């Protein structure tokens, strides 16, 4: 059972709609990322490749109140990061 609370900011929702990324894909990326690493301003980027997709779904988020809340700031597709 996934007890994570996900808050999608309006900017992220618009990006999801423009880029054909579903809320289920965002939640799955946050729950079980292939890679996760810090980015600018204390934010975190989670990435996940889904079967049949050429690019990874990338979700930039902050922690909300507590570790079970994620505030999604930005959502995109792109090549998986190789670190």
Foldseek 3Di string as FASTA:
>chain_A
DQQAAEAEDPQAVVQCVVAVNDPVLVVCQVVDAPDKDADPPRWIWGWHDDPPDPWIKIWIWDADPDPRYTYTDHIDTDHDDDD
